[in-house]
Protein backbone atom coordinates (compact mmCIF):
# COMPACT_ATOMS: atom_id res chain seq x y z
CA ASN A 1 91.52 93.64 90.86
CA ILE A 2 87.85 91.99 91.16
CA THR A 3 85.84 95.46 90.95
CA LYS A 4 81.79 95.26 91.26
CA ASN A 5 80.06 96.58 88.11
CA THR A 6 83.08 95.71 85.97
CA GLN A 7 83.79 93.10 83.31
CA ARG A 8 86.03 91.14 84.82
CA GLY A 9 84.18 91.28 88.49
CA PHE A 10 80.67 90.16 86.87
CA PHE A 11 83.02 87.22 85.13
CA ILE A 12 84.55 86.09 88.47
CA LYS A 13 80.98 86.27 90.54
CA LYS A 14 79.52 84.01 87.72
CA LEU A 15 82.13 81.78 87.91
CA SER A 16 81.88 81.81 91.60
CA MET A 17 78.17 80.49 91.65
CA ASN A 18 79.48 77.12 89.53
CA VAL A 19 82.77 76.03 91.68
CA LYS A 20 82.37 74.51 95.24
CA ASN A 21 85.31 76.21 96.50
CA ILE A 22 86.83 79.46 95.69
CA LEU A 23 89.90 81.60 96.98
CA LEU A 24 90.79 84.64 96.61
CA LEU A 25 94.54 85.93 96.91
CA SER A 26 95.40 90.05 97.26
CA ALA A 27 97.76 92.24 98.90
CA THR A 28 95.46 95.03 98.90
CA PRO A 29 91.77 93.39 99.52
CA HIS A 30 90.12 96.51 100.80
CA ARG A 31 90.38 99.62 98.58
CA GLY A 32 88.62 102.13 101.21
CA ASP A 33 85.02 101.40 99.68
CA TYR A 34 83.65 99.09 102.39
CA LYS A 35 80.48 98.00 99.95
CA ASP A 36 82.95 97.17 97.39
CA TYR A 37 84.88 95.16 100.25
CA LEU A 38 81.48 93.31 100.99
CA TYR A 39 81.04 92.84 97.81
CA ARG A 40 84.07 90.78 97.19
CA LEU A 41 83.16 88.64 100.91
CA LYS A 42 79.48 87.86 99.63
CA MET A 43 81.86 86.35 97.19
CA LEU A 44 83.34 84.00 99.44
CA ASP A 45 79.79 83.90 101.67
CA PRO A 46 76.69 83.72 99.34
CA THR A 47 74.78 84.04 102.38
CA LEU A 48 75.42 87.25 103.42
CA ILE A 49 72.67 89.48 103.38
CA ASP A 50 72.41 92.34 100.73
CA ASP A 51 72.52 95.30 102.72
CA PHE A 52 76.28 96.11 102.72
CA ASP A 53 74.94 99.31 105.26
CA ARG A 54 74.20 96.67 108.31
CA LEU A 55 77.62 94.88 107.70
CA ASN A 56 79.67 97.43 107.63
CA THR A 57 80.03 97.19 111.56
CA GLN A 58 83.46 96.54 113.44
CA GLN A 59 82.13 93.59 114.87
CA PHE A 60 80.79 91.89 111.47
CA TYR A 61 84.42 92.41 110.11
CA ARG A 62 86.28 91.00 113.38
CA ARG A 63 83.81 87.22 112.62
CA THR A 64 85.10 87.76 109.55
CA HIS A 65 88.50 86.98 110.60
CA ASP A 66 90.52 83.70 110.10
CA ILE A 67 86.66 82.37 109.10
CA LEU A 68 86.19 84.23 105.39
CA VAL A 69 89.46 86.50 105.74
CA PHE A 70 93.11 85.20 106.21
CA ARG A 71 95.78 88.37 106.82
CA ARG A 72 99.36 87.71 107.23
CA THR A 73 100.81 91.28 107.77
CA LYS A 74 104.65 92.18 107.67
CA LYS A 75 103.74 92.84 112.08
CA LEU A 76 102.95 88.68 112.07
CA VAL A 77 105.88 87.96 109.92
CA ASN A 78 108.07 89.57 112.50
CA ALA A 79 106.12 88.10 115.71
CA LEU A 80 106.39 84.90 113.79
CA GLU A 81 110.17 84.80 113.29
CA ASN A 82 110.88 86.89 116.38
CA LYS A 83 112.78 89.22 114.54
CA ARG A 84 112.55 92.43 111.74
CA VAL A 85 112.09 90.41 109.28
CA PHE A 86 110.32 93.62 107.69
CA ARG A 87 111.62 97.38 109.44
CA ASP A 88 109.30 100.25 110.47
CA CYS A 89 107.21 102.57 108.68
CA GLN A 90 106.50 106.30 109.69
CA PHE A 91 103.72 107.98 107.26
CA ASN A 92 103.65 111.42 107.30
CA ALA A 93 100.90 114.00 105.59
CA VAL A 94 102.86 117.32 105.21
CA VAL A 95 100.59 120.08 104.49
CA VAL A 96 102.15 123.10 102.86
CA ASP A 97 101.94 126.76 103.58
CA ILE A 98 101.43 128.40 100.43
CA SER A 99 101.49 132.21 99.48
CA GLU A 100 99.68 135.08 99.21
CA GLU A 101 99.84 135.06 95.26
CA GLU A 102 99.33 130.46 95.30
CA LYS A 103 96.47 131.57 97.24
CA ARG A 104 95.05 133.83 95.08
CA PHE A 105 95.12 131.35 92.36
CA PHE A 106 93.60 128.40 94.15
CA ASN A 107 90.76 130.70 94.91
CA LEU A 108 89.95 131.55 91.72
CA LEU A 109 90.87 128.00 90.08
CA GLU A 110 88.21 126.94 92.64
CA ASN A 111 85.10 129.64 91.73
CA THR A 112 86.00 128.70 88.27
CA LEU A 113 85.60 125.30 88.69
CA LYS A 114 82.61 126.17 90.33
CA SER A 115 81.01 128.39 88.07
CA ILE A 116 81.88 125.09 85.22
CA LEU A 117 79.75 122.66 87.37
CA LYS A 118 76.80 124.42 88.84
CA THR A 119 75.75 124.32 84.51
CA SER A 120 77.06 121.18 83.50
CA LYS A 121 75.80 117.71 83.99
CA LYS A 122 77.37 115.25 86.52
CA ASP A 123 78.69 112.38 84.18
CA SER A 124 79.10 115.53 81.27
CA PRO A 125 82.71 115.57 79.36
CA ILE A 126 82.52 119.63 80.94
CA ALA A 127 82.09 117.71 84.20
CA LEU A 128 85.16 116.01 83.09
CA LEU A 129 87.47 118.71 81.79
CA ALA A 130 86.84 120.64 85.35
CA VAL A 131 87.62 117.48 87.42
CA ILE A 132 90.62 116.95 85.48
CA LEU A 133 92.01 119.94 85.55
CA GLY A 134 91.40 120.27 89.48
CA LYS A 135 93.19 116.98 89.73
CA ARG A 136 96.05 118.52 87.27
CA ALA A 137 96.52 121.64 89.10
CA SER A 138 96.84 120.22 92.42
CA SER A 139 100.12 118.15 90.93
CA SER A 140 102.23 121.08 89.70
CA TYR A 141 101.32 124.48 88.60
CA LYS A 142 103.25 123.25 85.01
CA ALA A 143 100.64 120.83 84.91
CA ALA A 144 97.87 123.31 84.88
CA ILE A 145 99.40 125.30 82.40
CA GLU A 146 99.34 122.44 80.12
CA THR A 147 95.63 121.42 80.58
CA LEU A 148 94.91 124.72 80.44
CA ASN A 149 96.89 125.79 76.99
CA ARG A 150 95.33 122.11 75.86
CA ILE A 151 92.08 123.38 76.74
CA ILE A 152 92.23 126.19 75.17
CA LYS A 153 94.05 125.30 72.15
CA ALA A 154 92.04 122.44 71.40
CA ASN A 155 89.76 122.26 68.25
CA ILE A 156 88.62 118.80 68.05
CA PRO A 157 84.52 118.62 66.36
CA LYS A 158 82.32 117.64 68.67
CA ILE A 159 80.96 114.41 69.02
CA ASP A 160 77.28 114.00 69.31
CA ASP A 161 75.12 111.38 71.96
CA ILE A 162 78.81 111.29 73.21
CA ASP A 163 79.81 108.65 75.90
CA VAL A 164 81.58 109.41 78.49
CA SER A 165 81.74 106.51 80.93
CA ASN A 166 85.09 104.70 79.39
CA ASP A 167 87.21 107.87 79.87
CA ILE A 168 86.03 108.11 83.31
CA LYS A 169 86.99 104.45 84.07
CA ASN A 170 90.49 105.00 82.52
CA LEU A 171 91.10 108.30 84.43
CA PHE A 172 89.97 106.93 87.88
CA SER A 173 91.65 103.26 87.26
CA LEU A 174 92.79 102.15 90.82
CA SER A 175 95.67 100.47 89.32
CA PHE A 176 98.74 101.10 86.40
CA GLU A 177 97.40 97.38 86.01
CA GLU A 178 94.13 98.44 85.24
CA MET A 179 94.57 101.11 82.72
CA ASP A 180 93.77 100.52 79.35
CA PHE A 181 97.15 100.90 77.84
CA GLU A 182 96.48 100.03 74.24
CA ASP A 183 97.35 103.39 73.21
CA TYR A 184 98.85 104.95 76.01
CA ARG A 185 101.93 104.99 78.23
CA GLU A 186 101.08 107.43 81.16
CA ILE A 187 98.50 108.67 82.49
CA SER A 188 99.50 111.99 81.08
CA ASP A 189 98.12 110.50 77.86
CA ILE A 190 95.12 109.38 78.65
CA ILE A 191 94.16 112.99 79.70
CA ASN A 192 95.78 114.70 76.89
CA ASP A 193 93.95 112.43 74.86
CA ILE A 194 90.60 113.25 76.87
CA VAL A 195 90.82 116.95 77.06
CA ASP A 196 91.23 117.06 73.26
CA LYS A 197 88.32 115.23 72.31
CA TYR A 198 86.37 117.06 75.24
CA SER A 199 87.31 121.00 75.46
CA SER A 200 85.12 121.53 71.99
CA TYR A 201 82.01 121.37 74.10
CA LEU A 202 82.78 124.78 76.01
CA ASN A 203 80.56 127.59 75.55
CA LYS A 204 82.70 130.38 74.83
CA GLU A 205 82.08 132.10 78.28
CA GLN A 206 83.67 128.75 79.86
CA ARG A 207 86.24 129.35 77.67
CA LYS A 208 87.09 132.66 78.85
CA LEU A 209 86.45 131.65 82.49
CA PHE A 210 89.34 128.59 81.36
CA GLU A 211 91.91 131.91 79.33
CA ASN A 212 91.54 134.17 82.83
CA LEU A 213 92.92 131.39 84.76
CA LEU A 214 95.80 130.66 82.83
CA LYS A 215 96.76 134.21 83.27
CA THR A 216 97.30 134.18 86.76
CA THR A 217 99.82 130.90 86.49
CA SER A 218 102.21 132.88 84.32
CA ASN A 219 103.88 134.80 87.83
CA ILE A 220 103.75 131.86 90.52
CA ILE A 221 106.62 129.29 88.66
CA ALA A 222 108.82 132.33 87.76
CA LYS A 223 108.74 133.02 91.99
CA LYS A 224 109.03 130.51 94.70
CA ASP A 225 106.55 127.00 94.43
CA SER A 226 106.10 126.29 97.77
CA LYS A 227 105.31 122.41 97.06
CA ILE A 228 108.72 121.76 95.25
CA ASP A 229 110.65 124.05 98.01
CA THR A 230 109.20 121.63 100.94
CA LEU A 231 110.14 118.53 98.96
CA ALA A 232 113.68 119.91 98.56
CA LYS A 233 113.54 120.84 102.22
CA ILE A 234 112.24 116.99 102.91
CA ILE A 235 114.94 115.51 100.54
CA ALA A 236 118.02 117.55 101.50
CA LYS A 237 117.66 116.42 105.53
CA HIS A 238 117.31 112.91 104.30
CA ILE A 239 120.00 113.03 101.48
CA LYS A 240 122.27 114.46 104.88
CA ASN A 241 121.95 111.38 106.34
CA ASN A 242 123.55 109.43 103.42
CA GLU A 243 119.49 107.85 102.50
CA LYS A 244 118.46 107.63 98.97
CA VAL A 245 115.07 108.83 98.25
CA VAL A 246 112.23 108.19 95.73
CA VAL A 247 109.58 110.46 94.29
CA PHE A 248 106.63 109.18 92.85
CA THR A 249 104.14 111.63 90.62
CA GLU A 250 101.27 110.62 88.57
CA TYR A 251 102.00 112.74 85.54
CA VAL A 252 105.17 113.07 83.35
CA ASP A 253 104.99 117.16 83.12
CA THR A 254 105.12 117.36 87.08
CA LEU A 255 108.28 114.94 86.76
CA LYS A 256 110.11 117.17 84.16
CA TYR A 257 109.08 120.09 86.17
CA ILE A 258 110.34 118.62 88.89
CA TYR A 259 113.57 117.86 87.78
CA GLU A 260 114.35 120.88 85.68
CA ASN A 261 113.92 122.96 89.15
CA LEU A 262 114.72 120.33 91.91
CA PRO A 263 118.34 121.20 92.08
CA ARG A 264 118.28 125.06 92.49
CA TYR A 265 115.63 124.63 95.21
CA LEU A 266 118.43 121.96 96.87
CA SER A 267 120.96 124.41 96.95
CA ASN A 268 118.66 126.50 99.20
CA TYR A 269 119.11 123.50 101.93
CA GLY A 270 123.01 123.05 101.61
CA ILE A 271 122.67 120.45 98.93
CA ASP A 272 124.17 120.75 95.83
CA ILE A 273 123.22 117.85 93.48
CA SER A 274 124.28 116.47 89.67
CA PRO A 275 122.12 115.92 87.31
CA ASN A 276 123.68 112.64 86.96
CA GLU A 277 122.73 111.65 90.92
CA ILE A 278 118.92 112.50 90.16
CA LEU A 279 117.31 109.90 87.74
CA THR A 280 113.63 110.17 86.21
CA LEU A 281 111.48 107.26 85.51
CA SER A 282 108.18 106.88 83.32
CA GLY A 283 106.50 105.02 80.24
CA GLU A 284 109.02 106.96 78.24
CA ASP A 285 111.37 104.61 80.18
CA LYS A 286 109.52 101.34 79.90
CA ASN A 287 112.12 99.31 77.94
CA ASN A 288 115.21 100.65 80.18
CA ILE A 289 114.03 100.09 83.49
CA GLU A 290 116.75 97.67 85.11
CA ASN A 291 119.59 99.83 83.66
CA ILE A 292 117.68 102.55 85.46
CA ASN A 293 117.07 100.91 88.71
CA LYS A 294 121.34 99.23 88.37
CA THR A 295 121.96 103.24 87.74
CA PHE A 296 120.04 104.48 91.43
CA GLU A 297 121.29 101.30 92.91
CA SER A 298 124.62 102.40 92.27
CA TYR A 299 125.05 105.92 92.44
CA GLY A 300 121.78 108.23 92.23
CA LYS A 301 120.72 109.33 95.07
CA ILE A 302 116.75 111.10 94.01
CA LEU A 303 114.61 108.59 91.46
CA LEU A 304 111.71 110.48 90.08
CA ALA A 305 109.02 107.88 88.55
CA THR A 306 105.36 108.28 87.72
CA ASP A 307 103.49 105.24 88.43
CA VAL A 308 104.89 103.09 86.07
CA ALA A 309 107.44 102.24 88.72
CA SER A 310 104.51 101.84 91.35
CA GLU A 311 104.07 97.97 90.66
CA GLY A 312 106.39 94.95 90.70
CA LEU A 313 109.56 97.23 90.90
CA ASN A 314 112.18 96.45 93.74
CA LEU A 315 113.52 100.00 95.42
CA GLN A 316 114.09 98.86 98.66
CA VAL A 317 118.07 100.65 98.32
CA ALA A 318 116.25 103.41 98.86
CA ASN A 319 114.23 103.93 102.41
CA VAL A 320 112.21 107.15 101.62
CA LEU A 321 109.66 107.54 99.48
CA ILE A 322 107.99 110.70 98.72
CA ASN A 323 103.91 110.96 97.15
CA TYR A 324 104.58 114.20 95.46
CA ASP A 325 100.61 114.27 94.37
CA SER A 326 98.62 111.76 96.40
CA PRO A 327 96.46 109.77 94.03
CA TRP A 328 92.46 109.13 95.00
CA SER A 329 93.08 105.72 95.42
CA PRO A 330 94.98 104.21 98.57
CA ILE A 331 95.46 101.15 96.30
CA LYS A 332 97.72 103.34 94.31
CA LEU A 333 99.72 104.56 97.40
CA GLU A 334 99.52 100.99 98.55
CA GLN A 335 101.69 99.69 95.41
CA ARG A 336 103.93 103.05 95.91
CA ILE A 337 104.79 102.13 99.53
CA GLY A 338 106.02 99.18 98.71
CA ARG A 339 108.23 99.08 96.12
CA VAL A 340 110.52 100.43 99.38
CA TRP A 341 108.79 98.76 102.26
CA ARG A 342 109.35 95.20 101.42
CA LEU A 343 111.41 91.98 101.86
CA GLY A 344 114.66 93.05 101.69
CA GLN A 345 114.49 96.20 103.48
CA GLU A 346 117.55 97.44 105.49
CA LYS A 347 116.10 100.65 107.53
CA ASP A 348 113.01 102.11 108.57
CA VAL A 349 111.11 103.59 105.74
CA SER A 350 109.41 107.24 106.12
CA ILE A 351 107.06 107.51 103.72
CA TYR A 352 105.75 111.21 103.24
CA ASN A 353 101.98 112.42 101.26
CA ILE A 354 102.62 116.35 100.52
CA PHE A 355 99.34 118.15 100.00
CA LEU A 356 98.89 121.99 99.91
CA SER A 357 96.68 124.39 102.51
CA ASN A 358 94.24 124.93 99.76
CA LYS A 359 90.82 123.55 99.83
CA MET A 360 90.73 121.22 96.87
CA ASP A 361 93.66 119.58 98.61
CA LEU A 362 92.71 119.26 102.19
CA GLU A 363 89.40 117.88 101.30
CA LEU A 364 91.28 114.94 98.71
CA LEU A 365 93.74 114.80 102.17
CA ASN A 366 90.15 113.88 104.22
CA SER A 367 88.77 111.72 101.84
CA LEU A 368 91.95 109.13 101.38
CA TYR A 369 91.66 109.12 105.79
CA LYS A 370 88.68 108.12 105.62
CA LYS A 371 89.11 105.35 103.45
CA ILE A 372 91.98 104.40 105.10
CA MET A 373 89.59 104.61 108.70
CA ASN A 374 87.66 102.30 106.21
CA ILE A 375 90.46 99.64 105.67
CA LYS A 376 91.07 99.90 109.59
CA THR A 377 87.74 98.82 110.73
CA ALA A 378 87.62 96.10 108.31
CA LEU A 379 91.27 94.42 108.45
CA ASP A 380 92.12 95.76 111.89
CA ASN A 381 91.99 93.03 114.81
CA GLN A 382 91.91 95.57 117.36
CA LEU A 383 88.76 97.61 118.30
CA ALA A 384 89.11 100.87 118.43
């Protein structure tokens, strides 16, 4: 959790200047941003040049291996033990074809956000609202509707000289533990607070654009939701193989939406599932995590979870994990995957990341892929 330009990062950097030896331990040393990674390497070796663009080469990274960076991967453990201590893991990016009606919604959403961002500063409350809505719509139509309703109905007075930096930090935190949860149980709580606080900054024209967008969502949920249909198709395949499935989403309202609608979609693929075979785990269940875990292990078939379950929870009873909405940080993906692909897993693991075939989701897929390739470049011993 040592991140550039954060209070913790400054403190550790200052501390490292006054000690003879420093050891940094992490399961996820690279977050997809090469400058952030090189910042940590420079803590270990202050003689490195400050020109991170020049250092960002595969040749340089390979020279740091077993000198500055010592890796102990699952693959290495298997080789040392001469057996499959860790099972294989297959990663799948699933791009969902959407209906014409869904395309119209996302086209209107994109045009609405472009129109609003065109007249807003990058770090303004309005820009933050636009980013939030885009992210929520990528999760589910239910999440988009909840946020649109909240934006339109919110009535908190404006504050002069507002600073959105702390809200941005919380919203885009790299891990569940890094979020300031003194007043929050979920990232959904943070988003609702931001939306309530900043919606009054919209002018009449901007509010009208959001109201018009909300009208287009009413028929989509009543008809076929292509994303949840794809989720049901994937789950049905694995349940037929007697495999347990974990589904992650960032948002509680999306989790509840999946819980309410998934059985109906599963029935289309020959799976009749009882409500007690689908379990949910969110911030509301923080005091009951152990019981939920035991129930899932005994007779549960599907666990729907928010990122409350993404750290420190052992879910290797399941060997299938589906990211219903993919976070922007590969670290969050890594934390989720680590719940099932871990010591004690007895089956090969399947990971699915679901994206819609709209422009925003495809850009997210491309962004995540670039970050993952940055990690591979820095940490892989093999030349491409």
